[in-house]
Amino acid sequence: MSEHILSLMTFFPLLGMLIVLMLPRENGGLLKIATLVVTLITFIISLPLAFDPVFKTSAAMHYTEFVPWISVGDYFQMNYSIGIDGISLWLVMLTTFIMPITVLSTWNAVDKNVKGFMALMLLLETAMLGAFISLDLFLFYIFWELMLIPMYFMIGIWGGVNRIYAAVKFFIYTAVGSLLMLVAIIFLYYYAVNTGAVVSGFSITDFYNLNLNPELQKWLFLAFAFSFAIKVPMFPVHTWLPDAHTEAPTAGSVILAAVMLKMGTYGYLRFAMPLFPDALQHYLPWLAALSVIGIIYGALVAMMQKDVKKLVAYSSVSHLGFVMLGLFL
């Protein structure tokens, strides 16, 4: 069981979603209880990870699983490759810990189409956990994009007065950045294959060892960095967040602030920075400057807010500016 704990933890909410979809639509209380139980069980499944001493003594990836998945001759190879280290461990634990709390926050707040909302919550948990444990770039991209769908519908259906505007803005910002990253991922793979590098699919450990020339690194880094900057969000691509935060239901706002904004910083640390170190050195002054601007701007605008959700949104821009500045320094 222990060797498959990551898969069990990640896909158990998906199984819970199927159970929720089979329950009667009219019984909102039962649907919420079922969702709460699923998220609590997921948290319990993840608990052994937090107490495993191996993370204190080794920086390697642990609980790894590798299964060949999609193969198209010599042209395309994608694997189900997962694992965690000390970086992703606590982000995984944060996700499993926060989800039961978000379900509790919906108890009196969500009363229309409860079945749909709870199903989307569980799908979102699977997507977030999958992104944190993926060691295959294409698998990471699938989970990264999967996160967008439940949050889009949660804002667009259960949000506030301007929910459609906020949902569409959130979707466009995130999708545009993600498509640039997809182009960079595919280019990276075929560049590795055509230069004779030994790669097992889209494995990030193989890509870490590619000897890319600095000029090429700059363009690839920009594609990754732009996508992750939107998700952070860094100044000046932060404008989707105040609208999404304000219009999202409370559970959506909690997930955005607690987990989804960490995806961008995690992406920088796991992918953009180690994959393109020369480009990182080139862009460091600019990235650090944008982080400082975000810190000051986000804090000043947050001070002027009368809406608590907007205050949280702009303070998040400021807080994440500190995180990004710390990474770049």
Protein backbone atom coordinates (compact mmCIF):
# COMPACT_ATOMS: atom_id res chain seq x y z
CA MET A 1 0.00 0.00 0.00
CA SER A 2 2.76 2.46 0.95
CA GLU A 3 4.37 2.35 -2.50
CA HIS A 4 1.06 3.50 -4.06
CA ILE A 5 0.12 6.02 -1.38
CA LEU A 6 0.48 9.02 -3.72
CA SER A 7 -1.81 7.52 -6.36
CA LEU A 8 -4.34 6.47 -3.72
CA MET A 9 -4.31 9.93 -2.14
CA THR A 10 -4.58 11.73 -5.50
CA PHE A 11 -7.34 9.69 -7.10
CA PHE A 12 -9.43 8.93 -4.01
CA PRO A 13 -11.23 12.31 -4.35
CA LEU A 14 -11.98 11.37 -7.96
CA LEU A 15 -13.58 8.16 -6.74
CA GLY A 16 -15.47 10.25 -4.18
CA MET A 17 -16.69 12.51 -6.98
CA LEU A 18 -18.22 9.51 -8.75
CA ILE A 19 -19.96 8.49 -5.51
CA VAL A 20 -21.30 12.04 -5.02
CA LEU A 21 -22.63 12.07 -8.60
CA MET A 22 -24.63 8.91 -7.85
CA LEU A 23 -26.29 10.37 -4.73
CA PRO A 24 -29.74 12.03 -4.99
CA ARG A 25 -29.59 15.67 -6.07
CA GLU A 26 -32.28 16.79 -3.61
CA ASN A 27 -30.42 15.75 -0.44
CA GLY A 28 -27.89 18.58 -0.08
CA GLY A 29 -26.96 17.60 3.48
CA LEU A 30 -26.01 14.07 2.46
CA LEU A 31 -23.95 15.37 -0.45
CA LYS A 32 -22.00 17.70 1.85
CA ILE A 33 -21.44 14.95 4.43
CA ALA A 34 -20.21 12.55 1.74
CA THR A 35 -17.80 15.18 0.36
CA LEU A 36 -16.52 16.01 3.85
CA VAL A 37 -15.91 12.30 4.57
CA VAL A 38 -14.00 11.87 1.28
CA THR A 39 -11.76 14.88 1.97
CA LEU A 40 -11.13 13.73 5.56
CA ILE A 41 -10.17 10.23 4.37
CA THR A 42 -7.83 11.80 1.79
CA PHE A 43 -6.19 13.80 4.56
CA ILE A 44 -5.79 10.66 6.70
CA ILE A 45 -4.23 8.82 3.73
CA SER A 46 -1.67 11.62 3.36
CA LEU A 47 -0.74 11.77 7.07
CA PRO A 48 1.97 9.05 6.97
CA LEU A 49 3.90 11.24 4.50
CA ALA A 50 4.24 14.02 7.07
CA PHE A 51 5.73 11.69 9.69
CA ASP A 52 8.13 9.81 7.43
CA PRO A 53 11.70 10.59 8.64
CA VAL A 54 13.14 9.92 5.18
CA PHE A 55 12.39 13.52 4.17
CA LYS A 56 14.72 14.76 6.93
CA THR A 57 17.68 12.75 5.71
CA SER A 58 17.32 12.68 1.92
CA ALA A 59 16.54 15.32 -0.68
CA ALA A 60 15.72 12.72 -3.33
CA MET A 61 12.25 11.95 -4.66
CA HIS A 62 10.36 9.42 -2.53
CA TYR A 63 7.24 7.26 -3.01
CA THR A 64 7.99 7.33 -6.72
CA GLU A 65 5.86 5.47 -9.26
CA PHE A 66 6.67 5.05 -12.93
CA VAL A 67 4.35 3.47 -15.49
CA PRO A 68 4.62 3.94 -19.29
CA TRP A 69 1.37 5.54 -20.39
CA ILE A 70 0.95 7.06 -23.86
CA SER A 71 3.32 6.03 -26.63
CA VAL A 72 3.20 6.94 -30.33
CA GLY A 73 6.15 5.14 -31.95
CA ASP A 74 9.36 7.14 -31.68
CA TYR A 75 7.52 10.46 -31.81
CA PHE A 76 5.88 10.73 -28.42
CA GLN A 77 6.28 9.03 -25.05
CA MET A 78 4.42 10.12 -21.93
CA ASN A 79 4.68 8.35 -18.58
CA TYR A 80 2.73 8.26 -15.36
CA SER A 81 5.70 9.38 -13.26
CA ILE A 82 5.07 10.74 -9.75
CA GLY A 83 6.95 11.32 -6.51
CA ILE A 84 7.49 13.88 -3.76
CA ASP A 85 10.41 15.46 -1.96
CA GLY A 86 10.63 17.92 0.93
CA ILE A 87 9.42 20.77 -1.29
CA SER A 88 6.21 19.19 -2.54
CA LEU A 89 5.54 17.29 0.72
CA TRP A 90 4.15 20.26 2.65
CA LEU A 91 2.22 21.60 -0.33
CA VAL A 92 0.53 18.19 -0.59
CA MET A 93 -0.21 18.23 3.15
CA LEU A 94 -1.56 21.79 2.90
CA THR A 95 -3.93 20.72 0.13
CA THR A 96 -5.31 17.66 1.93
CA PHE A 97 -5.62 19.65 5.18
CA ILE A 98 -7.42 22.65 3.69
CA MET A 99 -10.01 20.75 1.64
CA PRO A 100 -12.18 19.51 4.59
CA ILE A 101 -12.17 23.10 5.90
CA THR A 102 -13.40 24.43 2.56
CA VAL A 103 -16.19 21.84 2.52
CA LEU A 104 -17.25 23.00 5.99
CA SER A 105 -17.30 26.60 4.73
CA THR A 106 -19.97 25.62 2.18
CA TRP A 107 -22.37 24.17 4.78
CA ASN A 108 -24.65 27.20 4.90
CA ALA A 109 -23.21 29.12 1.94
CA VAL A 110 -23.99 26.76 -0.97
CA ASP A 111 -27.64 25.79 -1.33
CA LYS A 112 -28.18 25.58 -5.10
CA ASN A 113 -26.97 22.67 -7.21
CA VAL A 114 -25.03 21.25 -4.26
CA LYS A 115 -24.22 18.03 -6.13
CA GLY A 116 -22.39 19.88 -8.91
CA PHE A 117 -20.45 22.06 -6.49
CA MET A 118 -19.27 19.14 -4.35
CA ALA A 119 -18.27 17.11 -7.41
CA LEU A 120 -16.19 20.03 -8.70
CA MET A 121 -14.52 20.43 -5.30
CA LEU A 122 -13.35 16.82 -5.35
CA LEU A 123 -12.19 17.05 -8.97
CA LEU A 124 -10.22 20.17 -8.06
CA GLU A 125 -8.51 18.36 -5.17
CA THR A 126 -7.35 15.58 -7.49
CA ALA A 127 -6.01 18.16 -9.98
CA MET A 128 -4.10 20.12 -7.32
CA LEU A 129 -2.55 17.02 -5.75
CA GLY A 130 -1.63 15.66 -9.17
CA ALA A 131 0.20 18.86 -10.09
CA PHE A 132 2.30 18.73 -6.92
CA ILE A 133 3.41 15.12 -7.37
CA SER A 134 3.99 14.98 -11.15
CA LEU A 135 7.54 14.24 -12.31
CA ASP A 136 6.56 14.11 -15.99
CA LEU A 137 6.16 17.54 -17.58
CA PHE A 138 3.24 16.52 -19.76
CA LEU A 139 1.47 14.83 -16.84
CA PHE A 140 2.03 18.02 -14.84
CA TYR A 141 0.50 20.04 -17.66
CA ILE A 142 -2.61 17.83 -17.70
CA PHE A 143 -3.20 18.35 -13.97
CA TRP A 144 -2.30 22.05 -14.31
CA GLU A 145 -5.00 22.55 -16.93
CA LEU A 146 -7.48 20.32 -15.08
CA MET A 147 -7.40 22.76 -12.14
CA LEU A 148 -8.75 25.48 -14.39
CA ILE A 149 -12.03 23.71 -15.23
CA PRO A 150 -13.59 23.23 -11.74
CA MET A 151 -12.55 26.71 -10.56
CA TYR A 152 -14.00 28.28 -13.72
CA PHE A 153 -17.39 26.69 -13.10
CA MET A 154 -17.30 27.36 -9.34
CA ILE A 155 -16.83 31.08 -10.00
CA GLY A 156 -19.15 31.24 -13.01
CA ILE A 157 -22.11 29.38 -11.46
CA TRP A 158 -21.88 29.94 -7.69
CA GLY A 159 -20.12 33.31 -7.70
CA GLY A 160 -21.32 36.86 -7.05
CA VAL A 161 -23.03 39.44 -9.25
CA ASN A 162 -20.14 39.81 -11.74
CA ARG A 163 -19.27 36.12 -11.71
CA ILE A 164 -19.34 35.63 -15.51
CA TYR A 165 -16.86 38.46 -16.09
CA ALA A 166 -14.56 37.18 -13.33
CA ALA A 167 -14.74 33.55 -14.53
CA VAL A 168 -14.00 34.42 -18.17
CA LYS A 169 -11.13 36.71 -17.16
CA PHE A 170 -9.67 33.98 -14.94
CA PHE A 171 -10.00 31.44 -17.76
CA ILE A 172 -8.41 33.63 -20.45
CA TYR A 173 -5.45 34.70 -18.33
CA THR A 174 -4.66 31.18 -17.15
CA ALA A 175 -5.28 29.46 -20.50
CA VAL A 176 -3.09 31.84 -22.51
CA GLY A 177 -0.16 31.36 -20.14
CA SER A 178 -0.67 27.60 -20.09
CA LEU A 179 -0.64 27.33 -23.88
CA LEU A 180 2.74 29.07 -24.03
CA MET A 181 4.07 26.58 -21.50
CA LEU A 182 2.66 23.68 -23.56
CA VAL A 183 4.51 24.92 -26.66
CA ALA A 184 7.75 25.14 -24.63
CA ILE A 185 7.25 21.62 -23.19
CA ILE A 186 6.71 20.07 -26.64
CA PHE A 187 9.67 21.98 -28.11
CA LEU A 188 11.88 20.85 -25.22
CA TYR A 189 10.94 17.21 -25.78
CA TYR A 190 11.59 17.20 -29.53
CA TYR A 191 14.79 19.21 -29.11
CA ALA A 192 16.04 16.53 -26.69
CA VAL A 193 15.03 13.70 -29.03
CA ASN A 194 16.59 15.32 -32.13
CA THR A 195 19.87 16.08 -30.36
CA GLY A 196 20.28 12.47 -29.29
CA ALA A 197 19.70 13.06 -25.59
CA VAL A 198 18.52 10.07 -23.60
CA VAL A 199 15.04 10.96 -22.35
CA SER A 200 12.31 8.76 -20.91
CA GLY A 201 9.28 10.70 -22.03
CA PHE A 202 8.86 14.14 -20.50
CA SER A 203 10.76 13.28 -17.29
CA ILE A 204 11.98 16.47 -15.60
CA THR A 205 15.07 14.70 -14.26
CA ASP A 206 16.15 14.01 -17.85
CA PHE A 207 15.47 17.58 -18.92
CA TYR A 208 17.53 18.90 -15.99
CA ASN A 209 20.60 17.35 -17.67
CA LEU A 210 20.02 18.87 -21.13
CA ASN A 211 22.79 21.18 -22.24
CA LEU A 212 20.71 23.97 -23.77
CA ASN A 213 22.41 27.01 -25.22
CA PRO A 214 21.75 30.26 -23.27
CA GLU A 215 19.85 31.97 -26.11
CA LEU A 216 17.39 29.08 -26.44
CA GLN A 217 17.01 28.95 -22.67
CA LYS A 218 15.85 32.59 -22.64
CA TRP A 219 12.86 31.90 -24.88
CA LEU A 220 11.86 28.68 -23.13
CA PHE A 221 12.23 30.28 -19.72
CA LEU A 222 9.98 33.17 -20.77
CA ALA A 223 7.22 30.75 -21.80
CA PHE A 224 7.37 28.89 -18.46
CA ALA A 225 7.88 32.06 -16.42
CA PHE A 226 4.92 33.86 -17.99
CA SER A 227 2.58 30.95 -17.29
CA PHE A 228 3.71 30.62 -13.68
CA ALA A 229 3.72 34.42 -13.17
CA ILE A 230 0.01 34.54 -14.04
CA LYS A 231 -0.72 31.82 -11.51
CA VAL A 232 1.34 33.42 -8.70
CA PRO A 233 0.15 36.14 -9.66
CA MET A 234 3.04 38.56 -10.16
CA PHE A 235 2.65 42.22 -11.07
CA PRO A 236 1.48 43.22 -13.71
CA VAL A 237 -0.42 40.00 -14.64
CA HIS A 238 -2.27 39.95 -11.31
CA THR A 239 -5.48 41.68 -12.33
CA TRP A 240 -7.55 38.48 -12.64
CA LEU A 241 -7.11 37.69 -8.93
CA PRO A 242 -9.13 40.52 -7.29
CA ASP A 243 -12.10 39.78 -9.56
CA ALA A 244 -11.86 36.00 -9.05
CA HIS A 245 -11.47 36.37 -5.29
CA THR A 246 -14.36 38.80 -4.96
CA GLU A 247 -16.83 36.87 -7.11
CA ALA A 248 -15.86 33.32 -6.09
CA PRO A 249 -17.86 31.52 -3.40
CA THR A 250 -16.11 31.35 -0.03
CA ALA A 251 -14.76 27.85 -0.66
CA GLY A 252 -13.32 28.98 -3.98
CA SER A 253 -11.63 31.98 -2.36
CA VAL A 254 -10.10 29.76 0.33
CA ILE A 255 -8.71 27.31 -2.24
CA LEU A 256 -7.37 30.15 -4.38
CA ALA A 257 -5.55 31.82 -1.48
CA ALA A 258 -4.39 28.67 0.30
CA VAL A 259 -3.33 26.37 -2.53
CA MET A 260 -3.74 27.56 -6.11
CA LEU A 261 -1.58 30.66 -5.71
CA LYS A 262 1.22 28.40 -4.46
CA MET A 263 1.15 26.58 -7.81
CA GLY A 264 2.97 29.41 -9.56
CA THR A 265 5.80 29.62 -7.03
CA TYR A 266 6.09 25.83 -7.01
CA GLY A 267 6.29 25.88 -10.81
CA TYR A 268 9.19 28.34 -10.71
CA LEU A 269 11.08 26.32 -8.10
CA ARG A 270 10.44 22.88 -9.62
CA PHE A 271 10.55 23.62 -13.35
CA ALA A 272 11.46 27.08 -14.65
CA MET A 273 14.49 27.80 -12.45
CA PRO A 274 16.35 24.45 -12.57
CA LEU A 275 15.53 23.75 -16.24
CA PHE A 276 16.89 27.08 -17.52
CA PRO A 277 19.58 28.31 -15.08
CA ASP A 278 21.40 30.57 -17.57
CA ALA A 279 18.19 32.31 -18.57
CA LEU A 280 17.30 32.70 -14.90
CA GLN A 281 20.56 34.58 -14.28
CA HIS A 282 19.79 36.85 -17.24
CA TYR A 283 16.27 37.74 -16.10
CA LEU A 284 16.89 37.80 -12.34
CA PRO A 285 17.12 41.63 -11.96
CA TRP A 286 13.84 42.12 -13.82
CA LEU A 287 12.03 39.38 -11.93
CA ALA A 288 13.28 40.68 -8.59
CA ALA A 289 12.16 44.21 -9.54
CA LEU A 290 8.67 42.99 -10.46
CA SER A 291 8.50 41.13 -7.14
CA VAL A 292 9.36 44.31 -5.20
CA ILE A 293 6.78 46.31 -7.17
CA GLY A 294 4.19 43.62 -6.39
CA ILE A 295 5.03 43.72 -2.68
CA ILE A 296 4.61 47.50 -2.42
CA TYR A 297 1.71 47.89 -4.86
CA GLY A 298 -0.28 44.97 -3.42
CA ALA A 299 0.14 46.26 0.14
CA LEU A 300 -0.86 49.84 -0.72
CA VAL A 301 -3.95 48.79 -2.67
CA ALA A 302 -4.94 46.30 0.07
CA MET A 303 -4.88 49.15 2.62
CA MET A 304 -7.55 50.99 0.61
CA GLN A 305 -10.04 48.10 0.28
CA LYS A 306 -13.44 48.03 1.95
CA ASP A 307 -14.26 44.56 0.62
CA VAL A 308 -12.61 41.82 2.71
CA LYS A 309 -12.18 39.47 -0.25
CA LYS A 310 -10.44 42.18 -2.29
CA LEU A 311 -8.25 42.92 0.71
CA VAL A 312 -7.23 39.25 0.81
CA ALA A 313 -6.61 39.28 -2.94
CA TYR A 314 -4.31 42.30 -2.96
CA SER A 315 -2.55 41.23 0.23
CA SER A 316 -1.94 37.89 -1.52
CA VAL A 317 -0.26 39.76 -4.39
CA SER A 318 1.99 41.42 -1.81
CA HIS A 319 2.68 38.18 0.12
CA LEU A 320 3.49 36.21 -3.01
CA GLY A 321 5.80 39.03 -4.04
CA PHE A 322 7.83 38.26 -0.91
CA VAL A 323 7.87 34.57 -1.81
CA MET A 324 9.06 35.26 -5.36
CA LEU A 325 11.69 37.73 -4.19
CA GLY A 326 12.97 35.11 -1.76
CA LEU A 327 13.21 32.51 -4.54
CA PHE A 328 15.05 34.87 -6.89
CA LEU A 329 17.48 36.07 -4.23
